[in-house]
Full PDB file with SEQRES, HELIX, SHEET, SSBOND, CRYST1, ORIGX, SCALE, CONECT and MASTER records, all heavy atoms in Angstrom:
SEQRES   1 A   46  ALA PRO GLY LYS GLU ARG GLU GLY VAL SER CYS ILE SER          
SEQRES   2 A   46  ARG SER GLY ASP LYS THR ASN TYR ALA ASP SER VAL LYS          
SEQRES   3 A   46  GLY ARG PHE THR ILE SER ARG ASP ASN ALA LYS ASN THR          
SEQRES   4 A   46  VAL TYR LEU GLN MET ASN SER                                  
SHEET    1 AA1 2 SER A  10  ILE A  12  0                                        
SHEET    2 AA1 2 THR A  19  TYR A  21 -1                                        
SHEET    1 AA2 2 PHE A  29  ASP A  34  0                                        
SHEET    2 AA2 2 THR A  39  MET A  44 -1                                        
CRYST1    1.000    1.000    1.000  90.00  90.00  90.00 P 1           1          
ORIGX1      1.000000  0.000000  0.000000        0.00000                         
ORIGX2      0.000000  1.000000  0.000000        0.00000                         
ORIGX3      0.000000  0.000000  1.000000        0.00000                         
SCALE1      1.000000  0.000000  0.000000        0.00000                         
SCALE2      0.000000  1.000000  0.000000        0.00000                         
SCALE3      0.000000  0.000000  1.000000        0.00000                         
ATOM      1  N   ALA A   1      18.364  -5.689  12.099  1.00  0.00           N  
ATOM      2  CA  ALA A   1      19.052  -6.411  13.104  1.00  0.00           C  
ATOM      3  C   ALA A   1      20.478  -6.178  12.908  1.00  0.00           C  
ATOM      4  O   ALA A   1      21.035  -5.920  11.834  1.00  0.00           O  
ATOM      5  CB  ALA A   1      18.641  -7.837  13.060  1.00  0.00           C  
ATOM      6  N   PRO A   2      21.329  -6.413  13.994  1.00  0.00           N  
ATOM      7  CA  PRO A   2      22.841  -6.227  13.813  1.00  0.00           C  
ATOM      8  C   PRO A   2      23.356  -7.093  12.727  1.00  0.00           C  
ATOM      9  O   PRO A   2      23.137  -8.337  12.629  1.00  0.00           O  
ATOM     10  CB  PRO A   2      23.358  -6.697  15.162  1.00  0.00           C  
ATOM     11  CG  PRO A   2      22.194  -6.436  16.109  1.00  0.00           C  
ATOM     12  CD  PRO A   2      20.890  -6.749  15.299  1.00  0.00           C  
ATOM     13  N   GLY A   3      24.105  -6.424  11.875  1.00  0.00           N  
ATOM     14  CA  GLY A   3      24.829  -7.198  10.803  1.00  0.00           C  
ATOM     15  C   GLY A   3      23.892  -7.698   9.665  1.00  0.00           C  
ATOM     16  O   GLY A   3      24.290  -8.420   8.807  1.00  0.00           O  
ATOM     17  N   LYS A   4      22.712  -7.248   9.634  1.00  0.00           N  
ATOM     18  CA  LYS A   4      21.742  -7.670   8.639  1.00  0.00           C  
ATOM     19  C   LYS A   4      21.074  -6.452   7.837  1.00  0.00           C  
ATOM     20  O   LYS A   4      21.169  -5.296   8.327  1.00  0.00           O  
ATOM     21  CB  LYS A   4      20.657  -8.496   9.216  1.00  0.00           C  
ATOM     22  CG  LYS A   4      21.117  -9.789   9.806  1.00  0.00           C  
ATOM     23  CD  LYS A   4      19.952 -10.674  10.267  1.00  0.00           C  
ATOM     24  CE  LYS A   4      20.487 -12.036  10.851  1.00  0.00           C  
ATOM     25  NZ  LYS A   4      19.287 -12.862  11.289  1.00  0.00           N  
ATOM     26  N   GLU A   5      20.522  -6.743   6.746  1.00  0.00           N  
ATOM     27  CA  GLU A   5      19.829  -5.692   5.952  1.00  0.00           C  
ATOM     28  C   GLU A   5      18.482  -5.337   6.624  1.00  0.00           C  
ATOM     29  O   GLU A   5      17.906  -6.136   7.331  1.00  0.00           O  
ATOM     30  CB  GLU A   5      19.600  -6.094   4.557  1.00  0.00           C  
ATOM     31  CG  GLU A   5      21.004  -6.334   3.769  1.00  0.00           C  
ATOM     32  CD  GLU A   5      20.784  -6.569   2.380  1.00  0.00           C  
ATOM     33  OE1 GLU A   5      19.630  -6.769   1.871  1.00  0.00           O  
ATOM     34  OE2 GLU A   5      21.696  -6.622   1.555  1.00  0.00           O  
ATOM     35  N   ARG A   6      18.077  -4.128   6.353  1.00  0.00           N  
ATOM     36  CA  ARG A   6      16.740  -3.695   6.810  1.00  0.00           C  
ATOM     37  C   ARG A   6      15.641  -4.356   6.168  1.00  0.00           C  
ATOM     38  O   ARG A   6      15.847  -4.625   4.808  1.00  0.00           O  
ATOM     39  CB  ARG A   6      16.688  -2.181   6.609  1.00  0.00           C  
ATOM     40  CG  ARG A   6      15.456  -1.573   7.350  1.00  0.00           C  
ATOM     41  CD  ARG A   6      15.635  -0.015   7.462  1.00  0.00           C  
ATOM     42  NE  ARG A   6      15.820   0.644   6.247  1.00  0.00           N  
ATOM     43  CZ  ARG A   6      16.218   1.921   6.055  1.00  0.00           C  
ATOM     44  NH1 ARG A   6      16.290   2.659   7.129  1.00  0.00           N  
ATOM     45  NH2 ARG A   6      16.411   2.438   4.851  1.00  0.00           N  
ATOM     46  N   GLU A   7      14.613  -4.746   6.812  1.00  0.00           N  
ATOM     47  CA  GLU A   7      13.551  -5.550   6.249  1.00  0.00           C  
ATOM     48  C   GLU A   7      12.211  -5.096   6.635  1.00  0.00           C  
ATOM     49  O   GLU A   7      12.125  -4.524   7.767  1.00  0.00           O  
ATOM     50  CB  GLU A   7      13.660  -6.980   6.509  1.00  0.00           C  
ATOM     51  CG  GLU A   7      13.643  -7.377   8.010  1.00  0.00           C  
ATOM     52  CD  GLU A   7      13.982  -8.883   8.259  1.00  0.00           C  
ATOM     53  OE1 GLU A   7      15.119  -9.322   7.942  1.00  0.00           O  
ATOM     54  OE2 GLU A   7      13.026  -9.512   8.818  1.00  0.00           O  
ATOM     55  N   GLY A   8      11.192  -5.343   5.899  1.00  0.00           N  
ATOM     56  CA  GLY A   8       9.795  -4.837   6.293  1.00  0.00           C  
ATOM     57  C   GLY A   8       9.214  -5.677   7.364  1.00  0.00           C  
ATOM     58  O   GLY A   8       9.425  -6.902   7.468  1.00  0.00           O  
ATOM     59  N   VAL A   9       8.514  -5.014   8.281  1.00  0.00           N  
ATOM     60  CA  VAL A   9       7.757  -5.649   9.296  1.00  0.00           C  
ATOM     61  C   VAL A   9       6.209  -5.585   9.160  1.00  0.00           C  
ATOM     62  O   VAL A   9       5.550  -6.512   9.189  1.00  0.00           O  
ATOM     63  CB  VAL A   9       8.130  -4.963  10.713  1.00  0.00           C  
ATOM     64  CG1 VAL A   9       7.230  -5.511  11.827  1.00  0.00           C  
ATOM     65  CG2 VAL A   9       9.543  -5.085  10.997  1.00  0.00           C  
ATOM     66  N   SER A  10       5.750  -4.343   8.738  1.00  0.00           N  
ATOM     67  CA  SER A  10       4.340  -4.196   8.645  1.00  0.00           C  
ATOM     68  C   SER A  10       4.106  -2.830   7.829  1.00  0.00           C  
ATOM     69  O   SER A  10       4.886  -1.992   7.848  1.00  0.00           O  
ATOM     70  CB  SER A  10       3.696  -4.093   9.986  1.00  0.00           C  
ATOM     71  OG  SER A  10       2.271  -4.040   9.931  1.00  0.00           O  
ATOM     72  N   CYS A  11       2.795  -2.810   7.413  1.00  0.00           N  
ATOM     73  CA  CYS A  11       2.485  -1.562   6.670  1.00  0.00           C  
ATOM     74  C   CYS A  11       1.029  -1.307   6.939  1.00  0.00           C  
ATOM     75  O   CYS A  11       0.189  -2.315   6.913  1.00  0.00           O  
ATOM     76  CB  CYS A  11       2.733  -1.661   5.139  1.00  0.00           C  
ATOM     77  SG  CYS A  11       2.432  -0.179   4.207  1.00  0.00           S  
ATOM     78  N   ILE A  12       0.558  -0.051   6.875  1.00  0.00           N  
ATOM     79  CA  ILE A  12      -0.816   0.315   7.062  1.00  0.00           C  
ATOM     80  C   ILE A  12      -1.212   1.294   6.079  1.00  0.00           C  
ATOM     81  O   ILE A  12      -0.477   2.317   5.788  1.00  0.00           O  
ATOM     82  CB  ILE A  12      -1.170   0.726   8.543  1.00  0.00           C  
ATOM     83  CG1 ILE A  12      -2.630   0.905   8.722  1.00  0.00           C  
ATOM     84  CG2 ILE A  12      -0.467   2.076   8.893  1.00  0.00           C  
ATOM     85  CD1 ILE A  12      -3.045   0.965  10.201  1.00  0.00           C  
ATOM     86  N   SER A  13      -2.377   1.152   5.427  1.00  0.00           N  
ATOM     87  CA  SER A  13      -2.782   2.105   4.340  1.00  0.00           C  
ATOM     88  C   SER A  13      -3.204   3.465   4.996  1.00  0.00           C  
ATOM     89  O   SER A  13      -3.347   3.622   6.202  1.00  0.00           O  
ATOM     90  CB  SER A  13      -4.026   1.599   3.667  1.00  0.00           C  
ATOM     91  OG  SER A  13      -5.068   1.318   4.578  1.00  0.00           O  
ATOM     92  N   ARG A  14      -3.394   4.461   4.158  1.00  0.00           N  
ATOM     93  CA  ARG A  14      -3.624   5.805   4.648  1.00  0.00           C  
ATOM     94  C   ARG A  14      -4.895   5.862   5.615  1.00  0.00           C  
ATOM     95  O   ARG A  14      -4.943   6.745   6.488  1.00  0.00           O  
ATOM     96  CB  ARG A  14      -3.867   6.748   3.514  1.00  0.00           C  
ATOM     97  CG  ARG A  14      -4.971   6.431   2.573  1.00  0.00           C  
ATOM     98  CD  ARG A  14      -4.911   7.497   1.358  1.00  0.00           C  
ATOM     99  NE  ARG A  14      -6.150   7.208   0.538  1.00  0.00           N  
ATOM    100  CZ  ARG A  14      -6.317   7.907  -0.592  1.00  0.00           C  
ATOM    101  NH1 ARG A  14      -5.430   8.788  -1.004  1.00  0.00           N  
ATOM    102  NH2 ARG A  14      -7.411   7.699  -1.273  1.00  0.00           N  
ATOM    103  N   SER A  15      -5.890   5.002   5.281  1.00  0.00           N  
ATOM    104  CA  SER A  15      -7.140   5.073   5.952  1.00  0.00           C  
ATOM    105  C   SER A  15      -7.205   4.052   7.167  1.00  0.00           C  
ATOM    106  O   SER A  15      -8.038   4.123   7.946  1.00  0.00           O  
ATOM    107  CB  SER A  15      -8.303   4.835   5.144  1.00  0.00           C  
ATOM    108  OG  SER A  15      -8.254   3.583   4.468  1.00  0.00           O  
ATOM    109  N   GLY A  16      -6.231   3.191   7.121  1.00  0.00           N  
ATOM    110  CA  GLY A  16      -6.135   2.117   8.127  1.00  0.00           C  
ATOM    111  C   GLY A  16      -7.007   0.869   7.781  1.00  0.00           C  
ATOM    112  O   GLY A  16      -6.899  -0.059   8.618  1.00  0.00           O  
ATOM    113  N   ASP A  17      -7.489   0.812   6.551  1.00  0.00           N  
ATOM    114  CA  ASP A  17      -8.366  -0.341   6.297  1.00  0.00           C  
ATOM    115  C   ASP A  17      -7.532  -1.437   5.733  1.00  0.00           C  
ATOM    116  O   ASP A  17      -8.131  -2.481   5.574  1.00  0.00           O  
ATOM    117  CB  ASP A  17      -9.473   0.089   5.271  1.00  0.00           C  
ATOM    118  CG  ASP A  17      -8.857   0.594   3.958  1.00  0.00           C  
ATOM    119  OD1 ASP A  17      -7.652   1.063   3.924  1.00  0.00           O  
ATOM    120  OD2 ASP A  17      -9.565   0.435   2.878  1.00  0.00           O  
ATOM    121  N   LYS A  18      -6.290  -1.261   5.394  1.00  0.00           N  
ATOM    122  CA  LYS A  18      -5.515  -2.398   4.912  1.00  0.00           C  
ATOM    123  C   LYS A  18      -4.236  -2.421   5.717  1.00  0.00           C  
ATOM    124  O   LYS A  18      -3.621  -1.397   5.943  1.00  0.00           O  
ATOM    125  CB  LYS A  18      -5.186  -2.195   3.428  1.00  0.00           C  
ATOM    126  CG  LYS A  18      -6.385  -2.209   2.507  1.00  0.00           C  
ATOM    127  CD  LYS A  18      -5.985  -2.128   1.038  1.00  0.00           C  
ATOM    128  CE  LYS A  18      -5.648  -0.651   0.698  1.00  0.00           C  
ATOM    129  NZ  LYS A  18      -6.867   0.238   0.727  1.00  0.00           N  
ATOM    130  N   THR A  19      -3.859  -3.635   6.056  1.00  0.00           N  
ATOM    131  CA  THR A  19      -2.597  -3.900   6.709  1.00  0.00           C  
ATOM    132  C   THR A  19      -1.926  -5.137   6.265  1.00  0.00           C  
ATOM    133  O   THR A  19      -2.583  -5.984   5.772  1.00  0.00           O  
ATOM    134  CB  THR A  19      -2.814  -4.079   8.358  1.00  0.00           C  
ATOM    135  OG1 THR A  19      -3.687  -5.189   8.469  1.00  0.00           O  
ATOM    136  CG2 THR A  19      -3.448  -2.856   8.978  1.00  0.00           C  
ATOM    137  N   ASN A  20      -0.635  -5.083   6.335  1.00  0.00           N  
ATOM    138  CA  ASN A  20       0.206  -6.219   5.912  1.00  0.00           C  
ATOM    139  C   ASN A  20       1.280  -6.487   6.962  1.00  0.00           C  
ATOM    140  O   ASN A  20       1.719  -5.546   7.609  1.00  0.00           O  
ATOM    141  CB  ASN A  20       0.895  -5.988   4.586  1.00  0.00           C  
ATOM    142  CG  ASN A  20      -0.042  -5.921   3.416  1.00  0.00           C  
ATOM    143  OD1 ASN A  20      -0.631  -4.772   3.204  1.00  0.00           O  
ATOM    144  ND2 ASN A  20      -0.346  -7.100   2.748  1.00  0.00           N  
ATOM    145  N   TYR A  21       1.598  -7.725   7.108  1.00  0.00           N  
ATOM    146  CA  TYR A  21       2.783  -8.109   8.057  1.00  0.00           C  
ATOM    147  C   TYR A  21       3.690  -9.074   7.351  1.00  0.00           C  
ATOM    148  O   TYR A  21       3.324  -9.857   6.560  1.00  0.00           O  
ATOM    149  CB  TYR A  21       2.136  -8.832   9.272  1.00  0.00           C  
ATOM    150  CG  TYR A  21       1.137  -7.923  10.004  1.00  0.00           C  
ATOM    151  CD1 TYR A  21      -0.152  -7.878   9.787  1.00  0.00           C  
ATOM    152  CD2 TYR A  21       1.612  -7.096  10.992  1.00  0.00           C  
ATOM    153  CE1 TYR A  21      -1.120  -7.057  10.448  1.00  0.00           C  
ATOM    154  CE2 TYR A  21       0.746  -6.230  11.800  1.00  0.00           C  
ATOM    155  CZ  TYR A  21      -0.582  -6.267  11.492  1.00  0.00           C  
ATOM    156  OH  TYR A  21      -1.394  -5.347  12.165  1.00  0.00           O  
ATOM    157  N   ALA A  22       4.925  -9.069   7.900  1.00  0.00           N  
ATOM    158  CA  ALA A  22       5.792 -10.023   7.609  1.00  0.00           C  
ATOM    159  C   ALA A  22       5.429 -11.362   8.198  1.00  0.00           C  
ATOM    160  O   ALA A  22       4.891 -11.353   9.332  1.00  0.00           O  
ATOM    161  CB  ALA A  22       7.282  -9.680   8.059  1.00  0.00           C  
ATOM    162  N   ASP A  23       5.736 -12.458   7.677  1.00  0.00           N  
ATOM    163  CA  ASP A  23       5.403 -13.700   8.265  1.00  0.00           C  
ATOM    164  C   ASP A  23       5.937 -13.950   9.636  1.00  0.00           C  
ATOM    165  O   ASP A  23       5.323 -14.584  10.503  1.00  0.00           O  
ATOM    166  CB  ASP A  23       5.878 -14.883   7.411  1.00  0.00           C  
ATOM    167  CG  ASP A  23       5.073 -14.970   6.043  1.00  0.00           C  
ATOM    168  OD1 ASP A  23       3.897 -14.440   5.952  1.00  0.00           O  
ATOM    169  OD2 ASP A  23       5.559 -15.664   5.176  1.00  0.00           O  
ATOM    170  N   SER A  24       7.072 -13.463   9.918  1.00  0.00           N  
ATOM    171  CA  SER A  24       7.734 -13.613  11.172  1.00  0.00           C  
ATOM    172  C   SER A  24       7.037 -12.873  12.268  1.00  0.00           C  
ATOM    173  O   SER A  24       7.286 -13.268  13.446  1.00  0.00           O  
ATOM    174  CB  SER A  24       9.185 -13.154  11.114  1.00  0.00           C  
ATOM    175  OG  SER A  24       9.189 -11.718  10.750  1.00  0.00           O  
ATOM    176  N   VAL A  25       6.113 -12.038  12.107  1.00  0.00           N  
ATOM    177  CA  VAL A  25       5.492 -11.274  13.095  1.00  0.00           C  
ATOM    178  C   VAL A  25       3.920 -11.455  13.137  1.00  0.00           C  
ATOM    179  O   VAL A  25       3.348 -10.907  13.937  1.00  0.00           O  
ATOM    180  CB  VAL A  25       5.813  -9.673  13.106  1.00  0.00           C  
ATOM    181  CG1 VAL A  25       7.354  -9.586  13.101  1.00  0.00           C  
ATOM    182  CG2 VAL A  25       5.164  -9.000  11.853  1.00  0.00           C  
ATOM    183  N   LYS A  26       3.473 -12.108  12.165  1.00  0.00           N  
ATOM    184  CA  LYS A  26       1.904 -12.307  12.056  1.00  0.00           C  
ATOM    185  C   LYS A  26       1.451 -12.971  13.322  1.00  0.00           C  
ATOM    186  O   LYS A  26       2.013 -13.920  13.767  1.00  0.00           O  
ATOM    187  CB  LYS A  26       1.595 -13.131  10.919  1.00  0.00           C  
ATOM    188  CG  LYS A  26       1.603 -12.441   9.476  1.00  0.00           C  
ATOM    189  CD  LYS A  26       1.273 -13.259   8.417  1.00  0.00           C  
ATOM    190  CE  LYS A  26       1.334 -12.548   7.088  1.00  0.00           C  
ATOM    191  NZ  LYS A  26       0.906 -13.410   6.014  1.00  0.00           N  
ATOM    192  N   GLY A  27       0.357 -12.360  13.888  1.00  0.00           N  
ATOM    193  CA  GLY A  27      -0.202 -12.990  15.079  1.00  0.00           C  
ATOM    194  C   GLY A  27       0.472 -12.425  16.383  1.00  0.00           C  
ATOM    195  O   GLY A  27      -0.148 -12.616  17.451  1.00  0.00           O  
ATOM    196  N   ARG A  28       1.636 -11.742  16.280  1.00  0.00           N  
ATOM    197  CA  ARG A  28       2.215 -11.143  17.473  1.00  0.00           C  
ATOM    198  C   ARG A  28       2.258  -9.545  17.412  1.00  0.00           C  
ATOM    199  O   ARG A  28       2.122  -8.967  18.463  1.00  0.00           O  
ATOM    200  CB  ARG A  28       3.701 -11.603  17.429  1.00  0.00           C  
ATOM    201  CG  ARG A  28       3.830 -13.124  17.683  1.00  0.00           C  
ATOM    202  CD  ARG A  28       5.298 -13.551  17.940  1.00  0.00           C  
ATOM    203  NE  ARG A  28       6.128 -13.168  16.888  1.00  0.00           N  
ATOM    204  CZ  ARG A  28       7.272 -12.347  17.102  1.00  0.00           C  
ATOM    205  NH1 ARG A  28       7.609 -11.832  18.336  1.00  0.00           N  
ATOM    206  NH2 ARG A  28       8.035 -12.144  16.007  1.00  0.00           N  
ATOM    207  N   PHE A  29       2.392  -9.003  16.257  1.00  0.00           N  
ATOM    208  CA  PHE A  29       2.484  -7.578  16.116  1.00  0.00           C  
ATOM    209  C   PHE A  29       1.175  -7.037  15.535  1.00  0.00           C  
ATOM    210  O   PHE A  29       0.503  -7.757  14.659  1.00  0.00           O  
ATOM    211  CB  PHE A  29       3.509  -7.207  15.267  1.00  0.00           C  
ATOM    212  CG  PHE A  29       4.976  -7.339  15.690  1.00  0.00           C  
ATOM    213  CD1 PHE A  29       5.188  -8.175  16.852  1.00  0.00           C  
ATOM    214  CD2 PHE A  29       6.056  -6.879  15.159  1.00  0.00           C  
ATOM    215  CE1 PHE A  29       6.393  -8.411  17.357  1.00  0.00           C  
ATOM    216  CE2 PHE A  29       7.339  -7.032  15.574  1.00  0.00           C  
ATOM    217  CZ  PHE A  29       7.539  -7.853  16.760  1.00  0.00           C  
ATOM    218  N   THR A  30       0.795  -5.916  15.870  1.00  0.00           N  
ATOM    219  CA  THR A  30      -0.332  -5.141  15.331  1.00  0.00           C  
ATOM    220  C   THR A  30      -0.124  -3.738  15.073  1.00  0.00           C  
ATOM    221  O   THR A  30       0.417  -3.002  15.912  1.00  0.00           O  
ATOM    222  CB  THR A  30      -1.603  -5.226  16.350  1.00  0.00           C  
ATOM    223  OG1 THR A  30      -1.890  -6.569  16.684  1.00  0.00           O  
ATOM    224  CG2 THR A  30      -2.824  -4.580  15.680  1.00  0.00           C  
ATOM    225  N   ILE A  31      -0.375  -3.433  13.798  1.00  0.00           N  
ATOM    226  CA  ILE A  31      -0.121  -1.954  13.324  1.00  0.00           C  
ATOM    227  C   ILE A  31      -1.508  -1.276  13.439  1.00  0.00           C  
ATOM    228  O   ILE A  31      -2.541  -1.816  13.098  1.00  0.00           O  
ATOM    229  CB  ILE A  31       0.500  -1.899  12.015  1.00  0.00           C  
ATOM    230  CG1 ILE A  31       1.074  -0.432  11.646  1.00  0.00           C  
ATOM    231  CG2 ILE A  31      -0.427  -2.465  10.903  1.00  0.00           C  
ATOM    232  CD1 ILE A  31       1.909  -0.388  10.460  1.00  0.00           C  
ATOM    233  N   SER A  32      -1.454   0.072  13.770  1.00  0.00           N  
ATOM    234  CA  SER A  32      -2.669   0.827  13.881  1.00  0.00           C  
ATOM    235  C   SER A  32      -2.230   2.335  13.693  1.00  0.00           C  
ATOM    236  O   SER A  32      -1.071   2.680  13.755  1.00  0.00           O  
ATOM    237  CB  SER A  32      -3.364   0.667  15.241  1.00  0.00           C  
ATOM    238  OG  SER A  32      -2.588   1.057  16.309  1.00  0.00           O  
ATOM    239  N   ARG A  33      -3.232   3.104  13.500  1.00  0.00           N  
ATOM    240  CA  ARG A  33      -2.990   4.464  13.267  1.00  0.00           C  
ATOM    241  C   ARG A  33      -4.025   5.442  13.851  1.00  0.00           C  
ATOM    242  O   ARG A  33      -5.179   5.007  13.868  1.00  0.00           O  
ATOM    243  CB  ARG A  33      -2.690   4.838  11.841  1.00  0.00           C  
ATOM    244  CG  ARG A  33      -3.837   4.708  10.843  1.00  0.00           C  
ATOM    245  CD  ARG A  33      -3.446   4.741   9.392  1.00  0.00           C  
ATOM    246  NE  ARG A  33      -2.987   6.090   9.108  1.00  0.00           N  
ATOM    247  CZ  ARG A  33      -2.143   6.275   8.051  1.00  0.00           C  
ATOM    248  NH1 ARG A  33      -1.642   5.307   7.327  1.00  0.00           N  
ATOM    249  NH2 ARG A  33      -1.738   7.486   7.742  1.00  0.00           N  
ATOM    250  N   ASP A  34      -3.743   6.568  14.204  1.00  0.00           N  
ATOM    251  CA  ASP A  34      -4.653   7.634  14.630  1.00  0.00           C  
ATOM    252  C   ASP A  34      -4.335   8.858  13.851  1.00  0.00           C  
ATOM    253  O   ASP A  34      -3.448   9.688  14.245  1.00  0.00           O  
ATOM    254  CB  ASP A  34      -4.513   7.885  16.180  1.00  0.00           C  
ATOM    255  CG  ASP A  34      -5.523   8.786  16.694  1.00  0.00           C  
ATOM    256  OD1 ASP A  34      -6.061   9.624  15.866  1.00  0.00           O  
ATOM    257  OD2 ASP A  34      -5.883   8.693  17.898  1.00  0.00           O  
ATOM    258  N   ASN A  35      -5.011   9.068  12.781  1.00  0.00           N  
ATOM    259  CA  ASN A  35      -4.669  10.240  11.913  1.00  0.00           C  
ATOM    260  C   ASN A  35      -4.902  11.576  12.616  1.00  0.00           C  
ATOM    261  O   ASN A  35      -4.197  12.599  12.302  1.00  0.00           O  
ATOM    262  CB  ASN A  35      -5.477  10.187  10.641  1.00  0.00           C  
ATOM    263  CG  ASN A  35      -4.952   9.112   9.695  1.00  0.00           C  
ATOM    264  OD1 ASN A  35      -3.870   8.488   9.896  1.00  0.00           O  
ATOM    265  ND2 ASN A  35      -5.744   8.694   8.651  1.00  0.00           N  
ATOM    266  N   ALA A  36      -5.929  11.557  13.592  1.00  0.00           N  
ATOM    267  CA  ALA A  36      -6.082  12.847  14.246  1.00  0.00           C  
ATOM    268  C   ALA A  36      -4.943  13.193  15.162  1.00  0.00           C  
ATOM    269  O   ALA A  36      -4.625  14.409  15.393  1.00  0.00           O  
ATOM    270  CB  ALA A  36      -7.366  12.719  15.114  1.00  0.00           C  
ATOM    271  N   LYS A  37      -4.055  12.226  15.599  1.00  0.00           N  
ATOM    272  CA  LYS A  37      -2.953  12.412  16.478  1.00  0.00           C  
ATOM    273  C   LYS A  37      -1.652  12.439  15.559  1.00  0.00           C  
ATOM    274  O   LYS A  37      -0.625  12.415  16.134  1.00  0.00           O  
ATOM    275  CB  LYS A  37      -2.909  11.413  17.563  1.00  0.00           C  
ATOM    276  CG  LYS A  37      -4.027  11.579  18.569  1.00  0.00           C  
ATOM    277  CD  LYS A  37      -3.806  10.579  19.664  1.00  0.00           C  
ATOM    278  CE  LYS A  37      -4.960  10.799  20.716  1.00  0.00           C  
ATOM    279  NZ  LYS A  37      -4.891   9.764  21.839  1.00  0.00           N  
ATOM    280  N   ASN A  38      -1.843  12.177  14.293  1.00  0.00           N  
ATOM    281  CA  ASN A  38      -0.635  12.058  13.414  1.00  0.00           C  
ATOM    282  C   ASN A  38       0.356  11.028  13.921  1.00  0.00           C  
ATOM    283  O   ASN A  38       1.585  11.262  13.864  1.00  0.00           O  
ATOM    284  CB  ASN A  38       0.074  13.445  13.287  1.00  0.00           C  
ATOM    285  CG  ASN A  38      -0.797  14.386  12.582  1.00  0.00           C  
ATOM    286  OD1 ASN A  38      -1.434  14.153  11.589  1.00  0.00           O  
ATOM    287  ND2 ASN A  38      -0.756  15.786  13.061  1.00  0.00           N  
ATOM    288  N   THR A  39      -0.129   9.873  14.332  1.00  0.00           N  
ATOM    289  CA  THR A  39       0.693   8.848  14.960  1.00  0.00           C  
ATOM    290  C   THR A  39       0.212   7.543  14.464  1.00  0.00           C  
ATOM    291  O   THR A  39      -0.857   7.230  14.299  1.00  0.00           O  
ATOM    292  CB  THR A  39       0.628   8.909  16.471  1.00  0.00           C  
ATOM    293  OG1 THR A  39       1.033  10.347  16.922  1.00  0.00           O  
ATOM    294  CG2 THR A  39       1.552   7.966  17.045  1.00  0.00           C  
ATOM    295  N   VAL A  40       1.280   6.684  14.098  1.00  0.00           N  
ATOM    296  CA  VAL A  40       1.132   5.253  13.899  1.00  0.00           C  
ATOM    297  C   VAL A  40       1.765   4.422  14.934  1.00  0.00           C  
ATOM    298  O   VAL A  40       2.824   4.796  15.390  1.00  0.00           O  
ATOM    299  CB  VAL A  40       1.711   4.910  12.437  1.00  0.00           C  
ATOM    300  CG1 VAL A  40       1.629   3.461  12.191  1.00  0.00           C  
ATOM    301  CG2 VAL A  40       0.990   5.769  11.376  1.00  0.00           C  
ATOM    302  N   TYR A  41       1.196   3.349  15.293  1.00  0.00           N  
ATOM    303  CA  TYR A  41       1.652   2.495  16.363  1.00  0.00           C  
ATOM    304  C   TYR A  41       2.001   1.096  15.843  1.00  0.00           C  
ATOM    305  O   TYR A  41       1.464   0.647  14.835  1.00  0.00           O  
ATOM    306  CB  TYR A  41       0.581   2.360  17.421  1.00  0.00           C  
ATOM    307  CG  TYR A  41       0.119   3.690  17.980  1.00  0.00           C  
ATOM    308  CD1 TYR A  41      -1.053   4.173  17.396  1.00  0.00           C  
ATOM    309  CD2 TYR A  41       0.785   4.307  18.844  1.00  0.00           C  
ATOM    310  CE1 TYR A  41      -1.627   5.417  17.939  1.00  0.00           C  
ATOM    311  CE2 TYR A  41       0.303   5.609  19.381  1.00  0.00           C  
ATOM    312  CZ  TYR A  41      -0.825   6.142  18.924  1.00  0.00           C  
ATOM    313  OH  TYR A  41      -1.229   7.408  19.411  1.00  0.00           O  
ATOM    314  N   LEU A  42       2.905   0.462  16.572  1.00  0.00           N  
ATOM    315  CA  LEU A  42       3.227  -0.913  16.366  1.00  0.00           C  
ATOM    316  C   LEU A  42       3.218  -1.604  17.669  1.00  0.00           C  
ATOM    317  O   LEU A  42       4.165  -1.473  18.449  1.00  0.00           O  
ATOM    318  CB  LEU A  42       4.585  -1.134  15.614  1.00  0.00           C  
ATOM    319  CG  LEU A  42       4.889  -2.521  15.295  1.00  0.00           C  
ATOM    320  CD1 LEU A  42       3.972  -3.036  14.168  1.00  0.00           C  
ATOM    321  CD2 LEU A  42       6.299  -2.642  14.755  1.00  0.00           C  
ATOM    322  N   GLN A  43       2.122  -2.358  18.008  1.00  0.00           N  
ATOM    323  CA  GLN A  43       2.037  -3.125  19.157  1.00  0.00           C  
ATOM    324  C   GLN A  43       2.754  -4.420  19.009  1.00  0.00           C  
ATOM    325  O   GLN A  43       2.427  -5.147  18.090  1.00  0.00           O  
ATOM    326  CB  GLN A  43       0.553  -3.372  19.606  1.00  0.00           C  
ATOM    327  CG  GLN A  43       0.391  -4.156  20.842  1.00  0.00           C  
ATOM    328  CD  GLN A  43       0.889  -3.527  22.107  1.00  0.00           C  
ATOM    329  OE1 GLN A  43       0.658  -2.323  22.326  1.00  0.00           O  
ATOM    330  NE2 GLN A  43       1.627  -4.213  23.005  1.00  0.00           N  
ATOM    331  N   MET A  44       3.738  -4.640  19.756  1.00  0.00           N  
ATOM    332  CA  MET A  44       4.618  -5.991  19.693  1.00  0.00           C  
ATOM    333  C   MET A  44       4.368  -6.757  20.918  1.00  0.00           C  
ATOM    334  O   MET A  44       4.709  -6.380  22.045  1.00  0.00           O  
ATOM    335  CB  MET A  44       6.045  -5.513  19.560  1.00  0.00           C  
ATOM    336  CG  MET A  44       6.283  -4.592  18.360  1.00  0.00           C  
ATOM    337  SD  MET A  44       8.046  -4.246  17.934  1.00  0.00           S  
ATOM    338  CE  MET A  44       8.565  -3.667  19.481  1.00  0.00           C  
ATOM    339  N   ASN A  45       3.795  -7.965  20.694  1.00  0.00           N  
ATOM    340  CA  ASN A  45       3.606  -8.921  21.847  1.00  0.00           C  
ATOM    341  C   ASN A  45       4.402 -10.153  21.651  1.00  0.00           C  
ATOM    342  O   ASN A  45       4.876 -10.384  20.569  1.00  0.00           O  
ATOM    343  CB  ASN A  45       2.099  -9.241  21.924  1.00  0.00           C  
ATOM    344  CG  ASN A  45       1.253  -8.110  22.182  1.00  0.00           C  
ATOM    345  OD1 ASN A  45       1.630  -7.100  22.942  1.00  0.00           O  
ATOM    346  ND2 ASN A  45      -0.018  -8.058  21.685  1.00  0.00           N  
ATOM    347  N   SER A  46       4.555 -10.932  22.678  1.00  0.00           N  
ATOM    348  CA  SER A  46       5.188 -12.271  22.540  1.00  0.00           C  
ATOM    349  C   SER A  46       6.642 -12.023  21.946  1.00  0.00           C  
ATOM    350  O   SER A  46       7.006 -12.812  21.052  1.00  0.00           O  
ATOM    351  CB  SER A  46       4.447 -13.224  21.863  1.00  0.00           C  
ATOM    352  OG  SER A  46       3.130 -13.446  22.339  1.00  0.00           O  
TER     353      SER A  46                                                      
MASTER        0    0    0    0    4    0    0    6  352    1    0    4          
END                                                                             
């Protein structure tokens, strides 16, 4: 954020079986990945 240090939002394991979220985004953001498409997503709601 402007004027602030960079901070973690979320992380997903290589296989997608493990995910973690910062408390500030739990229940609103969802991380996912499609290894076949070489792409990771962050769905941000609310």
